Amino acid sequence: MSAVIDKKQALITLQKGQVALSGQFVHGSNYTFLVKIAHDSHEYPAVYKPSRGEQPLWDFPQGTLSRREVAAFLISEALHWELVPPTVYRRNAPLGAGSLQLFIDHDPEYQYFTFTPQDRQRLRPVALFDLLINNADRKGGHILIDAQDHLWLIDHGISFHTEDKLRTVIWDFAGEDIPAQLASAVRILLADLENPQTSLLAELRKMLSQGEINALITRGRMLLASGCYPQPAEDRRPYPWPPV
């Protein structure tokens, strides 16, 4: 976690703070807003995605995208990779229920397609994370690096489908062995997901269907069994559009 972000306090503020609209992000299919959230003496900028602003998709249940944003955060935390900024689901927000995610200040010109070779090499956990959550839209601009050099991932609304939907720009590691440390984290995650008593499973069930959770477990097992990053699918489009 970036040194300047108190994750615990950020989550409390996102969940309990007063939300004030600051502006709207105009690029993208769904309504997305920049907000300020204040609680006690703390104030944070955040990205607000109301469920009512989601455009219908033929392959994802309507009104579920904001919950998938939260599910991605939960998985990132369970893996201890801290890739997804603090994210919560709130019902009492200005435009109704939706996700609130801590806004990450970053240089928008510095993204996957302009990364140095050294920063590209940092993306192995990112690629594995997207495989696990079945991310259907990993664009180059969804990978951020903040002023403290922490790597962050955003925009996970179309993830966790039960069918293979992976579309990503990150195929740098196709065919490589999954590093042992990353594989170990996936094993621990699967143990939590397969234990009906864990708080992770209870929280995920608020965000995803049981079928989607089962599919997540299956993907994790398959990745561990293969031991390597897969090649791009040949029977469908494996890249997002636009790529940035």
Protein backbone atom coordinates (compact mmCIF):
# COMPACT_ATOMS: atom_id res chain seq x y z
CA MET A 1 0.00 0.00 0.00
CA SER A 2 1.24 3.47 -0.85
CA ALA A 3 2.84 5.09 2.18
CA VAL A 4 0.57 8.13 2.02
CA ILE A 5 -2.64 6.08 2.05
CA ASP A 6 -4.05 4.86 5.35
CA LYS A 7 -6.10 1.98 3.96
CA LYS A 8 -8.15 1.42 7.11
CA GLN A 9 -9.07 5.09 7.40
CA ALA A 10 -9.79 5.33 3.69
CA LEU A 11 -12.23 2.42 3.89
CA ILE A 12 -14.00 3.93 6.90
CA THR A 13 -14.32 7.26 5.11
CA LEU A 14 -15.57 5.65 1.89
CA GLN A 15 -18.19 3.70 3.81
CA LYS A 16 -19.36 6.34 6.28
CA GLY A 17 -18.36 9.74 4.89
CA GLN A 18 -20.45 12.51 3.40
CA VAL A 19 -20.32 12.33 -0.39
CA ALA A 20 -20.18 15.48 -2.53
CA LEU A 21 -20.14 15.38 -6.32
CA SER A 22 -17.15 17.16 -7.88
CA GLY A 23 -17.34 16.26 -11.56
CA GLN A 24 -18.03 13.61 -14.15
CA PHE A 25 -15.65 11.42 -16.15
CA VAL A 26 -16.92 11.77 -19.71
CA HIS A 27 -14.95 8.93 -21.32
CA GLY A 28 -16.57 5.54 -20.90
CA SER A 29 -19.89 3.82 -21.42
CA ASN A 30 -21.20 4.14 -17.88
CA TYR A 31 -21.84 7.18 -15.71
CA THR A 32 -18.81 7.74 -13.49
CA PHE A 33 -18.24 10.65 -11.13
CA LEU A 34 -15.42 12.21 -9.18
CA VAL A 35 -16.52 12.89 -5.62
CA LYS A 36 -15.11 14.14 -2.35
CA ILE A 37 -15.84 12.09 0.75
CA ALA A 38 -15.39 13.55 4.22
CA HIS A 39 -15.60 11.81 7.59
CA ASP A 40 -14.38 13.26 10.89
CA SER A 41 -11.19 15.12 9.96
CA HIS A 42 -10.47 13.02 6.86
CA GLU A 43 -11.31 13.83 3.24
CA TYR A 44 -10.53 11.80 0.14
CA PRO A 45 -11.25 12.08 -3.58
CA ALA A 46 -13.04 9.02 -4.91
CA VAL A 47 -14.55 7.54 -8.04
CA TYR A 48 -18.27 6.91 -7.75
CA LYS A 49 -20.02 4.45 -10.09
CA PRO A 50 -23.78 4.37 -9.44
CA SER A 51 -25.55 1.20 -10.49
CA ARG A 52 -28.31 3.19 -12.14
CA GLY A 53 -25.73 4.70 -14.51
CA GLU A 54 -24.65 1.34 -15.92
CA GLN A 55 -25.45 0.70 -19.58
CA PRO A 56 -27.12 -2.69 -20.14
CA LEU A 57 -24.84 -5.46 -21.41
CA TRP A 58 -26.06 -8.60 -23.13
CA ASP A 59 -23.74 -10.90 -21.18
CA PHE A 60 -23.62 -9.37 -17.67
CA PRO A 61 -26.65 -9.07 -15.35
CA GLN A 62 -27.93 -5.50 -15.24
CA GLY A 63 -26.93 -3.39 -12.26
CA THR A 64 -24.09 -5.68 -11.11
CA LEU A 65 -20.99 -3.89 -12.42
CA SER A 66 -20.37 -1.76 -9.34
CA ARG A 67 -20.50 -4.87 -7.14
CA ARG A 68 -17.85 -6.48 -9.36
CA GLU A 69 -15.61 -3.47 -8.68
CA VAL A 70 -15.83 -4.30 -4.98
CA ALA A 71 -15.28 -8.01 -5.58
CA ALA A 72 -12.03 -7.20 -7.40
CA PHE A 73 -10.84 -5.24 -4.37
CA LEU A 74 -11.72 -8.12 -2.05
CA ILE A 75 -9.73 -10.58 -4.15
CA SER A 76 -6.75 -8.22 -4.39
CA GLU A 77 -6.74 -7.89 -0.61
CA ALA A 78 -7.13 -11.62 -0.03
CA LEU A 79 -4.09 -12.22 -2.24
CA HIS A 80 -2.18 -9.53 -0.30
CA TRP A 81 -1.14 -7.97 -3.61
CA GLU A 82 -2.78 -4.59 -2.91
CA LEU A 83 -3.42 -3.91 -6.58
CA VAL A 84 -6.91 -2.42 -6.36
CA PRO A 85 -7.49 0.87 -4.50
CA PRO A 86 -9.81 0.73 -1.45
CA THR A 87 -13.32 0.15 -2.79
CA VAL A 88 -16.70 -0.17 -1.07
CA TYR A 89 -20.33 -0.60 -2.05
CA ARG A 90 -22.74 1.98 -0.64
CA ARG A 91 -26.49 2.35 -0.89
CA ASN A 92 -26.68 5.90 0.46
CA ALA A 93 -24.90 7.95 -2.20
CA PRO A 94 -26.05 11.00 -4.22
CA LEU A 95 -27.28 9.03 -7.24
CA GLY A 96 -28.15 5.83 -5.46
CA ALA A 97 -26.31 2.63 -4.67
CA GLY A 98 -22.94 2.03 -6.28
CA SER A 99 -19.23 1.58 -5.78
CA LEU A 100 -16.88 4.16 -4.30
CA GLN A 101 -13.18 3.74 -4.98
CA LEU A 102 -10.33 5.84 -3.71
CA PHE A 103 -9.08 8.08 -6.52
CA ILE A 104 -5.41 7.52 -7.34
CA ASP A 105 -3.47 10.59 -8.44
CA HIS A 106 -1.24 9.59 -11.35
CA ASP A 107 0.17 10.68 -14.69
CA PRO A 108 -2.42 9.59 -17.29
CA GLU A 109 0.22 9.67 -20.02
CA TYR A 110 2.24 7.01 -18.24
CA GLN A 111 0.43 3.72 -18.77
CA TYR A 112 1.06 0.22 -20.11
CA PHE A 113 1.99 1.31 -23.64
CA THR A 114 4.46 3.92 -22.38
CA PHE A 115 5.88 1.96 -19.43
CA THR A 116 9.61 1.39 -19.25
CA PRO A 117 10.76 -2.21 -19.75
CA GLN A 118 11.44 -2.31 -16.00
CA ASP A 119 7.84 -1.35 -15.15
CA ARG A 120 6.53 -3.88 -17.67
CA GLN A 121 8.37 -6.56 -15.70
CA ARG A 122 6.34 -5.63 -12.60
CA LEU A 123 3.11 -6.81 -14.21
CA ARG A 124 3.27 -10.55 -13.53
CA PRO A 125 0.84 -10.33 -10.57
CA VAL A 126 -1.38 -8.05 -12.67
CA ALA A 127 -1.59 -10.61 -15.45
CA LEU A 128 -2.35 -13.39 -12.96
CA PHE A 129 -4.95 -11.26 -11.20
CA ASP A 130 -6.77 -10.64 -14.48
CA LEU A 131 -6.73 -14.35 -15.27
CA LEU A 132 -8.28 -15.11 -11.89
CA ILE A 133 -11.04 -12.50 -12.05
CA ASN A 134 -11.63 -13.12 -15.77
CA ASN A 135 -11.20 -9.46 -16.63
CA ALA A 136 -12.93 -8.66 -19.91
CA ASP A 137 -11.47 -5.17 -20.24
CA ARG A 138 -7.85 -4.70 -19.12
CA LYS A 139 -6.92 -1.63 -21.12
CA GLY A 140 -3.47 -0.03 -20.98
CA GLY A 141 -4.88 3.03 -19.24
CA HIS A 142 -6.30 0.92 -16.41
CA ILE A 143 -2.82 0.35 -14.95
CA LEU A 144 -1.62 3.30 -12.86
CA ILE A 145 1.59 4.11 -11.00
CA ASP A 146 1.31 6.77 -8.30
CA ALA A 147 3.88 9.25 -6.99
CA GLN A 148 5.11 6.66 -4.46
CA ASP A 149 5.73 4.16 -7.31
CA HIS A 150 2.87 1.93 -6.19
CA LEU A 151 1.14 0.07 -9.02
CA TRP A 152 -2.67 0.20 -9.07
CA LEU A 153 -5.43 -1.35 -11.17
CA ILE A 154 -8.83 0.21 -11.88
CA ASP A 155 -12.03 -0.53 -13.82
CA HIS A 156 -13.10 -4.10 -13.01
CA GLY A 157 -16.83 -3.80 -13.69
CA ILE A 158 -16.89 -6.45 -16.39
CA SER A 159 -15.07 -9.20 -14.56
CA PHE A 160 -15.98 -12.50 -12.86
CA HIS A 161 -18.17 -13.87 -15.65
CA THR A 162 -18.72 -17.62 -15.53
CA GLU A 163 -17.66 -17.94 -19.19
CA ASP A 164 -14.15 -17.18 -20.43
CA LYS A 165 -14.19 -13.46 -21.25
CA LEU A 166 -10.53 -12.50 -20.70
CA ARG A 167 -9.54 -9.50 -22.81
CA THR A 168 -6.28 -7.82 -21.87
CA VAL A 169 -3.32 -5.98 -23.36
CA ILE A 170 -0.93 -7.84 -21.03
CA TRP A 171 0.28 -10.96 -22.81
CA ASP A 172 3.94 -10.30 -22.03
CA PHE A 173 4.31 -13.44 -19.92
CA ALA A 174 2.37 -15.95 -22.04
CA GLY A 175 3.97 -19.37 -21.72
CA GLU A 176 6.09 -18.41 -18.70
CA ASP A 177 5.94 -20.32 -15.42
CA ILE A 178 3.88 -18.63 -12.73
CA PRO A 179 6.34 -17.48 -10.03
CA ALA A 180 6.20 -19.68 -6.94
CA GLN A 181 5.34 -16.78 -4.60
CA LEU A 182 2.36 -15.79 -6.73
CA ALA A 183 1.17 -19.39 -7.03
CA SER A 184 1.35 -19.73 -3.25
CA ALA A 185 -0.90 -16.69 -2.83
CA VAL A 186 -3.44 -18.24 -5.19
CA ARG A 187 -3.43 -21.48 -3.16
CA ILE A 188 -4.17 -19.54 0.02
CA LEU A 189 -6.95 -17.64 -1.76
CA LEU A 190 -8.56 -20.88 -2.95
CA ALA A 191 -8.43 -22.31 0.58
CA ASP A 192 -10.33 -19.24 1.82
CA LEU A 193 -12.87 -19.46 -1.00
CA GLU A 194 -13.48 -23.15 -0.32
CA ASN A 195 -14.00 -22.62 3.42
CA PRO A 196 -17.65 -21.70 4.09
CA GLN A 197 -16.69 -20.08 7.40
CA THR A 198 -14.39 -17.37 6.01
CA SER A 199 -15.33 -13.71 6.02
CA LEU A 200 -14.00 -13.40 2.46
CA LEU A 201 -16.60 -15.81 1.15
CA ALA A 202 -19.35 -14.04 3.07
CA GLU A 203 -18.36 -10.69 1.61
CA LEU A 204 -18.01 -12.04 -1.92
CA ARG A 205 -21.49 -13.54 -1.78
CA LYS A 206 -22.84 -10.00 -1.39
CA MET A 207 -21.17 -9.02 -4.66
CA LEU A 208 -21.22 -12.12 -6.88
CA SER A 209 -23.45 -15.08 -7.57
CA GLN A 210 -22.43 -18.49 -6.25
CA GLY A 211 -21.88 -19.60 -9.84
CA GLU A 212 -19.43 -16.76 -10.37
CA ILE A 213 -17.57 -17.64 -7.18
CA ASN A 214 -17.41 -21.29 -8.27
CA ALA A 215 -16.02 -20.22 -11.65
CA LEU A 216 -13.36 -18.14 -9.87
CA ILE A 217 -12.31 -21.20 -7.88
CA THR A 218 -12.20 -23.30 -11.05
CA ARG A 219 -10.00 -20.75 -12.82
CA GLY A 220 -7.62 -20.70 -9.87
CA ARG A 221 -7.35 -24.49 -9.84
CA MET A 222 -6.70 -24.59 -13.58
CA LEU A 223 -3.96 -21.95 -13.33
CA LEU A 224 -2.23 -23.87 -10.54
CA ALA A 225 -2.55 -27.15 -12.44
CA SER A 226 -1.03 -25.67 -15.60
CA GLY A 227 1.66 -23.76 -13.70
CA CYS A 228 2.09 -21.19 -16.45
CA TYR A 229 0.55 -18.10 -17.99
CA PRO A 230 -1.71 -19.09 -20.90
CA GLN A 231 -1.42 -17.99 -24.52
CA PRO A 232 -4.04 -15.64 -26.00
CA ALA A 233 -7.24 -17.42 -27.02
CA GLU A 234 -7.42 -18.22 -30.73
CA ASP A 235 -11.18 -18.72 -30.96
CA ARG A 236 -12.19 -15.22 -29.86
CA ARG A 237 -10.84 -11.68 -29.43
CA PRO A 238 -8.30 -11.69 -26.55
CA TYR A 239 -7.65 -7.93 -26.61
CA PRO A 240 -9.88 -5.06 -25.42
CA TRP A 241 -11.03 -2.25 -27.69
CA PRO A 242 -9.91 0.43 -27.56
CA PRO A 243 -6.62 -0.84 -26.12
CA VAL A 244 -6.04 2.29 -24.00
